[in-house]
Amino acid sequence: MDRDSAPRRGRVVMLVDNGVHGDSRVQKTARSAAEAGWEVILLGIKQATSPQETWSIGGAEVRLLTVPRPLGQHPLNHRRSLRRPLAYRPGKYGTWRQNSLRARRIDLDQKQAALEIARREGRGGAGVLLGTVALLPSRATTKVLHRWARFRAGELRRLRQAQQSADTLLTKLSMSFWQRLMGDRSWRRLDPGLWDYEFAFGPVIDQLKPDLIHANDFRMAGIAARAARRARVRGRDLKVVWDAHEYVAGVSPRANNPRWLPAQIAYTAEYAPQADAVVTVSPTLAELLQQVHHLPERPEVVLNAPSRSAEDGQPDAAPPDLRALCGIGPDTPLLVYCGGVNPSRGLGLMVAALPQLPDVHVAFVTLHPSGNNAPSEELLTQAAEVGVADRVHLLPYVPHWQVSAFLAPANAGVIPIHHKPNHELALITKFLEYSHARLPIVVSDVKTMADTVRSTGQGEVFRAEDVTDYVRVVRQVLADPERYRAAYDRPGLLENWTWEAQSAVLDRVYRRLRPDVAPAAESAPLAAVPS
């Protein structure tokens, strides 16, 4: 639809650097904004597994874009380096050269074999001898060239290892040089592949002529800021909301690219202050973002809270029976974990503790409960090794609006995550899902969630990665679960921990930035978050 002929209501273009499927926060944000009357177009990235390129989430339109990768490879992957001047030029030539010499050696071996067969059979006489002598120069030359090619290929491999190591002197000097010279603009040298997202999203945003951009996570912040600047040059008022899902400096670095994380930090530092408003996932992270990026005001908090209702067009059916899937009755103690499976989530601790918790079962509800998923298989292997395989159950996800009801039959919800910067900062989705299931929560001593549990009395806190302390806390919770469930009777607690309440915060941000195109206001609940 032509923007100039469309009915005049605020158009919000939302940006996200994933395929939208599986990102419940982004999906709920798009749906609730459309329900509030905004015209919403959500732009994501088309991936190999994306089942479709366009669809609707409630009244919001979703479009997936193909992101080209012309700058996705760092220049170091394309040019020679003085570190290893004898290395092959990066690319496929080194492999081709080694294989061509290998083929040449095989061909020479075949000629030598034919001469040897002729000699044994008494054929050829002097011709066999002359043929053998004639092959010697070619065989010697090929042997030398093959060794030389193998050495140069090894030099290229060693060069790659040096370039991918954060500990080599030249890597440190190079990164430090660009950071000192360019400051927050240094990402242009450290990770020029960030421009690839601009190539895909920028022209589409300009064509859509939004009134407001909602940029999810750090990669989209720069795209939104640049689009807003172009719009203002053309005389249009375009506001930007940056939705910070995590603290960029707390993201795990990439093992084979020491430049990647400093580049993302610099990129975020350049563009975060250019947003007209910032929202984030917890009060702790809000305070940190204001401090780090020198924001003029504290970001609004929009929790990753579950929705109270099913998606449009989806049956409001009862969820599967958790205990039946585990093959246990109502009196068997059951601990549940819902979320991703990787070492930093601490799930191995839950298995390791089971020999000290007789009769207790554990259910892991995850995206990849079995099959070719190595972390899930490792949990099952660990369970077998300690003799508790019959008490460990891996189960698949249910739709996000069914999660809390699905988990409710358990005795407690567990969050055993390790100490990582971003683990300290948020009330993660599973925390709020456990809360709506009215489960006592057993959580490691990561700051925000531990502080919340201690404040509300809805669970107990143990020292991260400490099996003994975990066992102590689990026994305490299982001994008197109703004491912890009573915390959910506190007036307003669960009501404010819903997406419906959180989306009202976001709608107020939109209306403050663009009151001139805001939809007609409707009464909405005011959301409060733990301080």
Protein backbone atom coordinates (compact mmCIF):
# COMPACT_ATOMS: atom_id res chain seq x y z
CA MET A 1 0.00 0.00 0.00
CA ASP A 2 1.26 3.50 -0.84
CA ARG A 3 2.16 5.20 2.43
CA ASP A 4 0.84 8.56 1.25
CA SER A 5 -2.62 7.16 0.45
CA ALA A 6 -2.93 4.93 3.53
CA PRO A 7 -5.25 5.84 6.41
CA ARG A 8 -3.34 8.08 8.79
CA ARG A 9 -2.43 5.98 11.78
CA GLY A 10 1.01 5.45 13.18
CA ARG A 11 3.11 2.95 11.26
CA VAL A 12 5.59 1.01 13.38
CA VAL A 13 8.33 -0.95 11.61
CA MET A 14 9.89 -3.52 13.92
CA LEU A 15 13.34 -4.94 13.18
CA VAL A 16 14.86 -8.19 14.44
CA ASP A 17 17.99 -10.07 13.39
CA ASN A 18 16.42 -13.53 13.36
CA GLY A 19 13.68 -15.45 11.58
CA VAL A 20 10.94 -14.38 14.08
CA HIS A 21 9.85 -17.99 14.71
CA GLY A 22 10.86 -18.93 18.24
CA ASP A 23 11.30 -15.34 19.44
CA SER A 24 8.26 -15.00 21.68
CA ARG A 25 9.14 -11.47 22.87
CA VAL A 26 9.24 -10.13 19.33
CA GLN A 27 6.06 -11.95 18.34
CA LYS A 28 4.17 -10.66 21.39
CA THR A 29 5.47 -7.13 20.83
CA ALA A 30 4.20 -7.10 17.24
CA ARG A 31 0.83 -8.59 18.15
CA SER A 32 0.14 -6.28 21.09
CA ALA A 33 1.16 -3.12 19.18
CA ALA A 34 -1.23 -4.06 16.38
CA GLU A 35 -3.98 -4.74 18.92
CA ALA A 36 -3.38 -1.26 20.36
CA GLY A 37 -4.16 0.20 16.93
CA TRP A 38 -0.73 0.76 15.43
CA GLU A 39 0.00 -0.36 11.89
CA VAL A 40 2.80 -2.89 12.43
CA ILE A 41 5.24 -4.37 9.93
CA LEU A 42 7.85 -6.72 11.40
CA LEU A 43 11.02 -7.25 9.35
CA GLY A 44 13.16 -10.30 10.13
CA ILE A 45 15.81 -12.37 8.37
CA LYS A 46 15.10 -15.23 6.00
CA GLN A 47 17.02 -18.31 7.06
CA ALA A 48 17.50 -21.67 5.41
CA THR A 49 14.91 -23.21 7.74
CA SER A 50 12.33 -20.42 7.40
CA PRO A 51 9.07 -22.09 6.31
CA GLN A 52 7.67 -18.90 4.75
CA GLU A 53 8.64 -15.32 3.93
CA THR A 54 5.46 -13.43 4.81
CA TRP A 55 2.64 -14.08 7.27
CA SER A 56 0.61 -12.35 9.96
CA ILE A 57 0.85 -12.33 13.73
CA GLY A 58 -2.56 -11.08 14.78
CA GLY A 59 -2.88 -7.73 12.99
CA ALA A 60 0.88 -7.39 12.39
CA GLU A 61 2.47 -8.19 9.04
CA VAL A 62 5.73 -10.17 9.03
CA ARG A 63 8.26 -10.04 6.22
CA LEU A 64 11.54 -11.93 6.10
CA LEU A 65 14.41 -10.37 4.15
CA THR A 66 17.42 -12.03 2.58
CA VAL A 67 20.63 -10.60 3.99
CA PRO A 68 23.50 -10.61 1.48
CA ARG A 69 26.97 -11.20 2.87
CA PRO A 70 29.32 -9.16 0.63
CA LEU A 71 31.19 -7.86 3.68
CA GLY A 72 30.50 -10.80 5.97
CA GLN A 73 34.06 -12.09 5.60
CA HIS A 74 36.68 -9.90 7.24
CA PRO A 75 39.33 -8.54 4.79
CA LEU A 76 41.90 -10.69 6.59
CA ASN A 77 40.19 -13.69 4.99
CA HIS A 78 40.99 -12.40 1.50
CA ARG A 79 44.52 -10.96 1.53
CA ARG A 80 48.06 -11.98 2.28
CA SER A 81 49.70 -11.14 5.59
CA LEU A 82 53.26 -10.24 6.51
CA ARG A 83 52.89 -12.53 9.52
CA ARG A 84 53.33 -15.53 7.21
CA PRO A 85 54.58 -14.20 3.85
CA LEU A 86 55.08 -17.69 2.40
CA ALA A 87 51.50 -18.77 3.12
CA TYR A 88 49.11 -19.26 0.24
CA ARG A 89 46.74 -16.41 -0.44
CA PRO A 90 43.47 -17.03 1.47
CA GLY A 91 41.00 -18.87 -0.70
CA LYS A 92 40.75 -22.16 -2.52
CA TYR A 93 43.98 -22.06 -4.52
CA GLY A 94 46.13 -23.73 -1.86
CA THR A 95 43.79 -26.71 -1.65
CA TRP A 96 43.60 -26.90 -5.45
CA ARG A 97 47.38 -26.79 -5.76
CA GLN A 98 47.93 -29.60 -3.27
CA ASN A 99 45.34 -31.79 -4.95
CA SER A 100 46.74 -31.12 -8.44
CA LEU A 101 50.20 -32.21 -7.26
CA ARG A 102 48.66 -35.25 -5.60
CA ALA A 103 47.05 -36.18 -8.90
CA ARG A 104 50.37 -35.66 -10.67
CA ARG A 105 52.12 -38.01 -8.22
CA ILE A 106 49.46 -40.67 -8.76
CA ASP A 107 49.91 -40.35 -12.54
CA LEU A 108 53.70 -40.73 -12.23
CA ASP A 109 53.25 -43.72 -9.90
CA GLN A 110 51.05 -45.34 -12.52
CA LYS A 111 53.70 -44.85 -15.22
CA GLN A 112 56.36 -46.29 -12.91
CA ALA A 113 54.09 -49.24 -12.12
CA ALA A 114 53.62 -49.98 -15.84
CA LEU A 115 57.40 -50.00 -16.35
CA GLU A 116 57.90 -52.28 -13.35
CA ILE A 117 55.29 -54.75 -14.65
CA ALA A 118 57.03 -54.77 -18.05
CA ARG A 119 60.39 -55.45 -16.39
CA ARG A 120 59.01 -58.38 -14.39
CA GLU A 121 57.45 -59.86 -17.50
CA GLY A 122 60.71 -59.55 -19.39
CA ARG A 123 59.36 -57.00 -21.84
CA GLY A 124 60.92 -53.76 -22.92
CA GLY A 125 64.55 -54.42 -22.05
CA ALA A 126 66.56 -51.21 -22.34
CA GLY A 127 63.34 -49.27 -22.95
CA VAL A 128 62.18 -50.01 -19.39
CA LEU A 129 65.46 -48.75 -17.99
CA LEU A 130 65.37 -45.61 -20.10
CA GLY A 131 61.73 -44.98 -19.14
CA THR A 132 62.54 -45.32 -15.45
CA VAL A 133 65.45 -42.89 -15.76
CA ALA A 134 63.29 -40.45 -17.73
CA LEU A 135 60.72 -40.37 -14.89
CA LEU A 136 63.26 -39.50 -12.20
CA PRO A 137 63.34 -35.71 -12.80
CA SER A 138 59.55 -35.48 -12.86
CA ARG A 139 59.22 -37.61 -9.73
CA ALA A 140 61.84 -35.57 -7.86
CA THR A 141 60.35 -32.26 -8.97
CA THR A 142 56.84 -33.32 -8.01
CA LYS A 143 58.03 -34.51 -4.59
CA VAL A 144 59.70 -31.17 -3.90
CA LEU A 145 56.70 -29.19 -5.16
CA HIS A 146 54.32 -31.29 -3.05
CA ARG A 147 56.37 -30.66 0.09
CA TRP A 148 56.52 -26.95 -0.74
CA ALA A 149 52.74 -26.82 -1.28
CA ARG A 150 52.16 -28.66 1.99
CA PHE A 151 54.43 -26.20 3.81
CA ARG A 152 52.63 -23.16 2.32
CA ALA A 153 49.23 -24.65 3.21
CA GLY A 154 50.51 -25.20 6.75
CA GLU A 155 51.66 -21.59 6.87
CA LEU A 156 48.14 -20.50 5.87
CA ARG A 157 46.65 -22.69 8.59
CA ARG A 158 49.06 -21.26 11.18
CA LEU A 159 48.26 -17.74 9.95
CA ARG A 160 44.54 -18.40 10.44
CA GLN A 161 45.19 -19.66 13.96
CA ALA A 162 47.20 -16.55 14.80
CA GLN A 163 44.57 -14.22 13.35
CA GLN A 164 41.82 -16.00 15.28
CA SER A 165 43.67 -15.84 18.59
CA ALA A 166 43.17 -12.91 20.90
CA ASP A 167 46.57 -13.61 22.49
CA THR A 168 48.86 -12.89 19.53
CA LEU A 169 50.72 -9.58 19.65
CA LEU A 170 49.82 -8.44 16.12
CA THR A 171 46.12 -9.09 16.72
CA LYS A 172 46.22 -7.07 19.93
CA LEU A 173 48.13 -4.22 18.27
CA SER A 174 45.79 -4.13 15.27
CA MET A 175 42.64 -4.06 17.39
CA SER A 176 44.10 -1.46 19.75
CA PHE A 177 45.16 0.75 16.84
CA TRP A 178 41.68 0.93 15.33
CA GLN A 179 39.99 1.35 18.70
CA ARG A 180 42.26 4.26 19.62
CA LEU A 181 42.02 5.86 16.19
CA MET A 182 38.27 5.51 15.62
CA GLY A 183 36.74 4.96 19.06
CA ASP A 184 33.11 3.81 18.80
CA ARG A 185 33.41 3.91 15.00
CA SER A 186 36.07 1.17 15.08
CA TRP A 187 33.49 -1.54 14.30
CA ARG A 188 33.80 -0.45 10.67
CA ARG A 189 37.27 -1.99 10.64
CA LEU A 190 36.80 -4.77 13.17
CA ASP A 191 33.54 -6.17 11.73
CA PRO A 192 32.53 -4.55 8.44
CA GLY A 193 30.02 -7.39 8.01
CA LEU A 194 27.61 -5.35 10.15
CA TRP A 195 26.96 -3.31 7.02
CA ASP A 196 25.38 -6.38 5.42
CA TYR A 197 22.27 -5.86 7.57
CA GLU A 198 22.04 -2.27 6.36
CA PHE A 199 22.10 -3.42 2.73
CA ALA A 200 19.07 -5.65 3.38
CA PHE A 201 16.97 -3.57 5.80
CA GLY A 202 17.78 0.04 4.90
CA PRO A 203 16.05 0.30 1.48
CA VAL A 204 12.95 -1.53 2.74
CA ILE A 205 12.60 0.81 5.74
CA ASP A 206 12.93 3.86 3.49
CA GLN A 207 10.21 2.50 1.21
CA LEU A 208 7.84 1.82 4.12
CA LYS A 209 8.18 5.38 5.52
CA PRO A 210 7.47 4.46 9.15
CA ASP A 211 6.57 6.91 11.89
CA LEU A 212 8.43 4.85 14.47
CA ILE A 213 11.02 2.07 14.38
CA HIS A 214 11.22 -0.56 17.12
CA ALA A 215 14.75 -2.00 16.89
CA ASN A 216 15.19 -5.31 18.71
CA ASP A 217 18.66 -6.02 20.07
CA PHE A 218 21.94 -4.37 19.22
CA ARG A 219 22.41 -5.12 15.49
CA MET A 220 19.18 -3.36 14.60
CA ALA A 221 20.01 -0.22 16.63
CA GLY A 222 22.34 1.13 13.97
CA ILE A 223 19.98 0.35 11.11
CA ALA A 224 17.19 2.23 12.87
CA ALA A 225 19.37 5.23 13.73
CA ARG A 226 20.62 5.61 10.17
CA ALA A 227 17.08 5.28 8.78
CA ALA A 228 15.87 7.99 11.16
CA ARG A 229 18.63 10.33 10.02
CA ARG A 230 17.76 9.78 6.36
CA ALA A 231 14.07 10.41 7.10
CA ARG A 232 14.78 13.66 8.92
CA VAL A 233 16.89 14.91 6.02
CA ARG A 234 13.82 14.33 3.84
CA GLY A 235 11.61 16.27 6.25
CA ARG A 236 9.93 13.33 8.00
CA ASP A 237 9.77 12.83 11.76
CA LEU A 238 10.89 9.26 12.50
CA LYS A 239 11.39 8.14 16.09
CA VAL A 240 13.46 5.15 17.23
CA VAL A 241 12.83 2.79 20.15
CA TRP A 242 15.75 0.50 20.95
CA ASP A 243 14.73 -2.71 22.74
CA ALA A 244 17.87 -4.00 24.49
CA HIS A 245 17.38 -7.71 25.11
CA GLU A 246 20.80 -8.17 26.72
CA TYR A 247 24.02 -6.42 27.68
CA VAL A 248 26.29 -6.61 24.65
CA ALA A 249 29.54 -6.56 26.63
CA GLY A 250 28.26 -9.62 28.51
CA VAL A 251 27.75 -11.71 25.37
CA SER A 252 30.18 -14.62 24.98
CA PRO A 253 33.00 -13.82 22.53
CA ARG A 254 33.38 -15.88 19.39
CA ALA A 255 36.17 -18.39 19.80
CA ASN A 256 37.60 -17.91 16.30
CA ASN A 257 37.16 -14.15 15.95
CA PRO A 258 38.64 -11.91 18.66
CA ARG A 259 37.49 -8.79 16.78
CA TRP A 260 33.81 -9.68 16.85
CA LEU A 261 32.84 -8.75 20.42
CA PRO A 262 34.80 -5.45 20.56
CA ALA A 263 33.13 -4.55 17.26
CA GLN A 264 29.62 -5.20 18.61
CA ILE A 265 30.39 -3.20 21.77
CA ALA A 266 31.65 -0.24 19.72
CA TYR A 267 28.69 -0.47 17.32
CA THR A 268 26.20 -0.41 20.20
CA ALA A 269 28.03 2.43 21.92
CA GLU A 270 27.81 4.55 18.75
CA TYR A 271 24.11 4.06 18.12
CA ALA A 272 22.46 3.44 21.52
CA PRO A 273 22.52 7.13 22.50
CA GLN A 274 20.84 8.05 19.20
CA ALA A 275 17.62 6.21 20.12
CA ASP A 276 14.72 8.44 21.11
CA ALA A 277 13.72 5.90 23.79
CA VAL A 278 15.20 2.70 25.19
CA VAL A 279 13.34 -0.23 26.70
CA THR A 280 14.87 -3.35 28.22
CA VAL A 281 14.12 -6.55 30.10
CA SER A 282 14.89 -5.78 33.75
CA PRO A 283 15.49 -2.91 36.18
CA THR A 284 19.09 -4.07 36.73
CA LEU A 285 19.87 -3.91 33.02
CA ALA A 286 18.05 -0.58 32.70
CA GLU A 287 20.35 1.00 35.28
CA LEU A 288 23.43 -0.48 33.64
CA LEU A 289 22.46 0.73 30.16
CA GLN A 290 21.82 4.24 31.41
CA GLN A 291 25.22 4.31 33.06
CA VAL A 292 27.24 2.74 30.23
CA HIS A 293 25.64 4.67 27.36
CA HIS A 294 25.08 7.94 29.27
CA LEU A 295 21.38 7.87 28.46
CA PRO A 296 19.41 10.97 29.52
CA GLU A 297 16.76 8.84 31.24
CA ARG A 298 16.46 5.36 32.68
CA PRO A 299 15.13 2.90 30.09
CA GLU A 300 11.60 1.65 30.56
CA VAL A 301 11.34 -1.98 31.65
CA VAL A 302 9.26 -4.42 29.61
CA LEU A 303 9.56 -7.86 31.16
CA ASN A 304 9.60 -11.07 29.12
CA ALA A 305 6.28 -12.00 30.69
CA PRO A 306 3.93 -14.70 29.43
CA SER A 307 0.63 -13.87 27.80
CA ARG A 308 -2.63 -14.74 29.53
CA SER A 309 -4.38 -15.79 26.32
CA ALA A 310 -3.78 -18.05 23.34
CA GLU A 311 -2.85 -16.67 19.95
CA ASP A 312 -5.64 -15.76 17.56
CA GLY A 313 -6.94 -18.77 15.70
CA GLN A 314 -5.32 -21.24 18.09
CA PRO A 315 -7.49 -23.60 20.10
CA ASP A 316 -7.59 -22.80 23.80
CA ALA A 317 -7.07 -26.48 24.59
CA ALA A 318 -5.63 -28.04 27.71
CA PRO A 319 -1.86 -28.65 27.56
CA PRO A 320 -0.39 -32.16 27.62
CA ASP A 321 -0.20 -33.89 31.01
CA LEU A 322 3.35 -33.32 32.29
CA ARG A 323 3.28 -36.16 34.81
CA ALA A 324 1.79 -38.60 32.34
CA LEU A 325 4.60 -37.82 29.88
CA CYS A 326 7.09 -38.59 32.65
CA GLY A 327 5.22 -41.78 33.58
CA ILE A 328 4.76 -40.79 37.22
CA GLY A 329 1.82 -40.26 39.54
CA PRO A 330 0.72 -37.17 41.47
CA ASP A 331 2.68 -38.03 44.62
CA THR A 332 6.12 -38.34 43.00
CA PRO A 333 8.34 -35.29 43.59
CA LEU A 334 9.02 -33.61 40.24
CA LEU A 335 11.44 -30.80 39.44
CA VAL A 336 11.14 -29.07 36.08
CA TYR A 337 13.42 -26.99 33.88
CA CYS A 338 12.16 -25.27 30.72
CA GLY A 339 14.53 -23.71 28.20
CA GLY A 340 17.72 -24.18 26.24
CA VAL A 341 20.29 -26.86 26.96
CA ASN A 342 23.96 -25.87 27.09
CA PRO A 343 26.74 -26.06 29.68
CA SER A 344 26.20 -22.55 31.09
CA ARG A 345 22.59 -23.42 31.97
CA GLY A 346 23.87 -25.76 34.71
CA LEU A 347 21.56 -28.67 33.95
CA GLY A 348 24.22 -31.25 34.70
CA LEU A 349 24.01 -30.19 38.34
CA MET A 350 20.34 -31.22 38.47
CA VAL A 351 21.26 -34.71 37.24
CA ALA A 352 24.31 -34.99 39.50
CA ALA A 353 22.14 -34.21 42.55
CA LEU A 354 19.56 -36.94 41.94
CA PRO A 355 21.43 -39.74 43.80
CA GLN A 356 21.11 -37.55 46.91
CA LEU A 357 17.40 -36.91 46.26
CA PRO A 358 15.71 -40.35 46.36
CA ASP A 359 12.41 -40.63 44.47
CA VAL A 360 12.79 -37.15 42.90
CA HIS A 361 12.32 -36.97 39.12
CA VAL A 362 13.53 -34.21 36.78
CA ALA A 363 11.84 -33.06 33.56
CA PHE A 364 13.80 -31.01 31.02
CA VAL A 365 11.41 -29.26 28.62
CA THR A 366 13.49 -28.11 25.67
CA LEU A 367 13.45 -27.44 21.94
CA HIS A 368 15.59 -30.49 21.10
CA PRO A 369 14.76 -33.20 23.65
CA SER A 370 16.42 -36.04 21.74
CA GLY A 371 17.86 -37.09 18.43
CA ASN A 372 21.04 -35.43 17.16
CA ASN A 373 21.21 -32.77 19.89
CA ALA A 374 24.54 -33.31 21.66
CA PRO A 375 23.78 -31.38 24.90
CA SER A 376 20.53 -33.30 25.43
CA GLU A 377 22.24 -36.61 24.75
CA GLU A 378 24.97 -35.69 27.25
CA LEU A 379 22.34 -35.26 29.97
CA LEU A 380 20.96 -38.72 29.25
CA THR A 381 24.47 -40.20 29.25
CA GLN A 382 25.23 -38.51 32.59
CA ALA A 383 21.98 -39.82 34.05
CA ALA A 384 22.86 -43.37 33.01
CA GLU A 385 26.35 -43.06 34.47
CA VAL A 386 25.06 -42.06 37.91
CA GLY A 387 22.23 -44.59 37.86
CA VAL A 388 19.23 -42.25 37.57
CA ALA A 389 18.27 -42.67 33.91
CA ASP A 390 14.76 -43.74 34.89
CA ARG A 391 14.26 -40.43 36.75
CA VAL A 392 15.37 -38.02 33.99
CA HIS A 393 12.85 -37.06 31.29
CA LEU A 394 13.46 -34.91 28.20
CA LEU A 395 10.25 -33.43 26.81
CA PRO A 396 9.43 -31.14 23.86
CA TYR A 397 8.20 -27.56 24.04
CA VAL A 398 4.53 -26.69 24.05
CA PRO A 399 3.10 -23.44 22.55
CA HIS A 400 4.23 -20.43 24.58
CA TRP A 401 0.72 -19.65 25.83
CA GLN A 402 0.47 -23.18 27.31
CA VAL A 403 3.84 -23.28 29.09
CA SER A 404 2.73 -22.23 32.58
CA ALA A 405 -0.28 -24.55 32.63
CA PHE A 406 1.90 -27.39 31.31
CA LEU A 407 4.50 -26.90 34.07
CA ALA A 408 2.03 -26.38 36.93
CA PRO A 409 1.83 -30.07 38.04
CA ALA A 410 5.52 -30.03 39.00
CA ASN A 411 6.64 -29.46 42.59
CA ALA A 412 9.21 -26.78 41.77
CA GLY A 413 10.81 -24.96 38.86
CA VAL A 414 14.61 -24.86 38.70
CA ILE A 415 16.93 -22.23 37.18
CA PRO A 416 20.50 -23.49 37.82
CA ILE A 417 22.35 -21.10 35.48
CA HIS A 418 25.98 -20.17 35.99
CA HIS A 419 27.38 -16.74 36.69
CA LYS A 420 27.57 -14.91 33.34
CA PRO A 421 27.14 -11.16 32.85
CA ASN A 422 23.76 -11.42 31.12
CA HIS A 423 22.56 -14.12 33.53
CA GLU A 424 22.90 -11.60 36.34
CA LEU A 425 20.75 -8.93 34.68
CA ALA A 426 17.32 -10.26 33.74
CA LEU A 427 14.15 -11.90 34.98
CA ILE A 428 14.28 -14.46 32.20
CA THR A 429 11.18 -15.82 30.52
CA LYS A 430 11.20 -19.14 32.38
CA PHE A 431 11.24 -17.32 35.74
CA LEU A 432 7.95 -15.63 34.90
CA GLU A 433 6.50 -18.79 33.38
CA TYR A 434 7.30 -20.69 36.59
CA SER A 435 5.66 -17.87 38.54
CA HIS A 436 2.41 -18.12 36.58
CA ALA A 437 2.51 -21.88 37.15
CA ARG A 438 2.65 -20.97 40.87
CA LEU A 439 5.76 -23.11 41.26
CA PRO A 440 8.26 -22.64 44.06
CA ILE A 441 11.46 -21.48 42.31
CA VAL A 442 14.91 -22.90 43.02
CA VAL A 443 17.43 -20.49 41.47
CA SER A 444 21.18 -20.05 41.56
CA ASP A 445 22.55 -16.87 43.09
CA VAL A 446 22.53 -14.78 39.91
CA LYS A 447 21.76 -11.25 41.00
CA THR A 448 18.39 -10.14 39.59
CA MET A 449 16.50 -13.40 39.97
CA ALA A 450 18.04 -14.20 43.35
CA ASP A 451 17.13 -10.73 44.64
CA THR A 452 13.57 -11.14 43.37
CA VAL A 453 13.11 -14.56 44.97
CA ARG A 454 14.43 -13.29 48.29
CA SER A 455 12.12 -10.28 48.07
CA THR A 456 8.93 -12.14 47.18
CA GLY A 457 9.53 -15.36 49.12
CA GLN A 458 8.54 -17.48 46.12
CA GLY A 459 11.53 -19.81 46.36
CA GLU A 460 15.06 -20.40 47.56
CA VAL A 461 18.53 -19.47 46.31
CA PHE A 462 21.60 -21.73 46.13
CA ARG A 463 25.23 -21.12 45.22
CA ALA A 464 25.71 -21.62 41.49
CA GLU A 465 27.48 -24.87 40.52
CA ASP A 466 27.35 -26.13 44.14
CA VAL A 467 25.61 -29.53 44.19
CA THR A 468 25.56 -29.75 47.98
CA ASP A 469 23.89 -26.37 48.40
CA TYR A 470 21.45 -27.19 45.59
CA VAL A 471 20.42 -30.41 47.34
CA ARG A 472 19.92 -28.51 50.59
CA VAL A 473 17.63 -25.96 48.93
CA VAL A 474 15.60 -28.55 47.01
CA ARG A 475 14.95 -30.51 50.20
CA GLN A 476 13.84 -27.32 51.91
CA VAL A 477 11.41 -26.43 49.13
CA LEU A 478 9.96 -29.94 48.79
CA ALA A 479 9.40 -30.09 52.55
CA ASP A 480 6.94 -27.17 52.48
CA PRO A 481 6.00 -26.12 48.91
CA GLU A 482 2.81 -24.34 49.96
CA ARG A 483 4.84 -21.84 51.93
CA TYR A 484 6.40 -20.66 48.67
CA ARG A 485 3.24 -20.90 46.58
CA ALA A 486 1.58 -18.52 49.03
CA ALA A 487 3.86 -15.74 47.76
CA TYR A 488 1.80 -15.64 44.57
CA ASP A 489 -1.24 -14.50 46.53
CA ARG A 490 0.41 -11.10 46.95
CA PRO A 491 -1.97 -8.57 45.30
CA GLY A 492 -0.84 -7.45 41.86
CA LEU A 493 2.26 -9.65 41.63
CA LEU A 494 1.15 -12.06 38.91
CA GLU A 495 -1.14 -9.49 37.30
CA ASN A 496 1.84 -7.22 36.59
CA TRP A 497 3.95 -10.15 35.41
CA THR A 498 1.83 -10.63 32.28
CA TRP A 499 2.52 -9.52 28.75
CA GLU A 500 -0.76 -7.63 28.70
CA ALA A 501 0.53 -5.41 31.50
CA GLN A 502 4.01 -5.10 30.03
CA SER A 503 2.72 -4.17 26.57
CA ALA A 504 0.92 -1.21 28.15
CA VAL A 505 4.36 0.16 29.11
CA LEU A 506 5.52 -0.14 25.53
CA ASP A 507 2.39 1.49 24.17
CA ARG A 508 2.95 4.47 26.46
CA VAL A 509 6.47 4.84 25.08
CA TYR A 510 5.14 4.84 21.51
CA ARG A 511 2.46 7.41 22.36
CA ARG A 512 4.95 9.69 24.10
CA LEU A 513 7.21 9.70 21.06
CA ARG A 514 4.51 10.06 18.40
CA PRO A 515 1.34 11.49 19.96
CA ASP A 516 0.44 13.02 16.60
CA VAL A 517 -0.19 9.61 14.96
CA ALA A 518 -1.09 7.51 18.02
CA PRO A 519 -4.26 5.39 17.76
CA ALA A 520 -7.24 6.31 19.90
CA ALA A 521 -6.27 5.50 23.49
CA GLU A 522 -7.99 2.67 25.31
CA SER A 523 -7.78 1.90 28.99
CA ALA A 524 -4.87 -0.38 29.75
CA PRO A 525 -3.46 -1.80 32.99
CA LEU A 526 -0.45 -0.05 34.45
CA ALA A 527 2.52 -2.33 34.83
CA ALA A 528 4.95 -2.34 37.71
CA VAL A 529 8.20 -4.24 37.92
CA PRO A 530 10.37 -5.21 40.85
CA SER A 531 12.85 -2.52 41.73
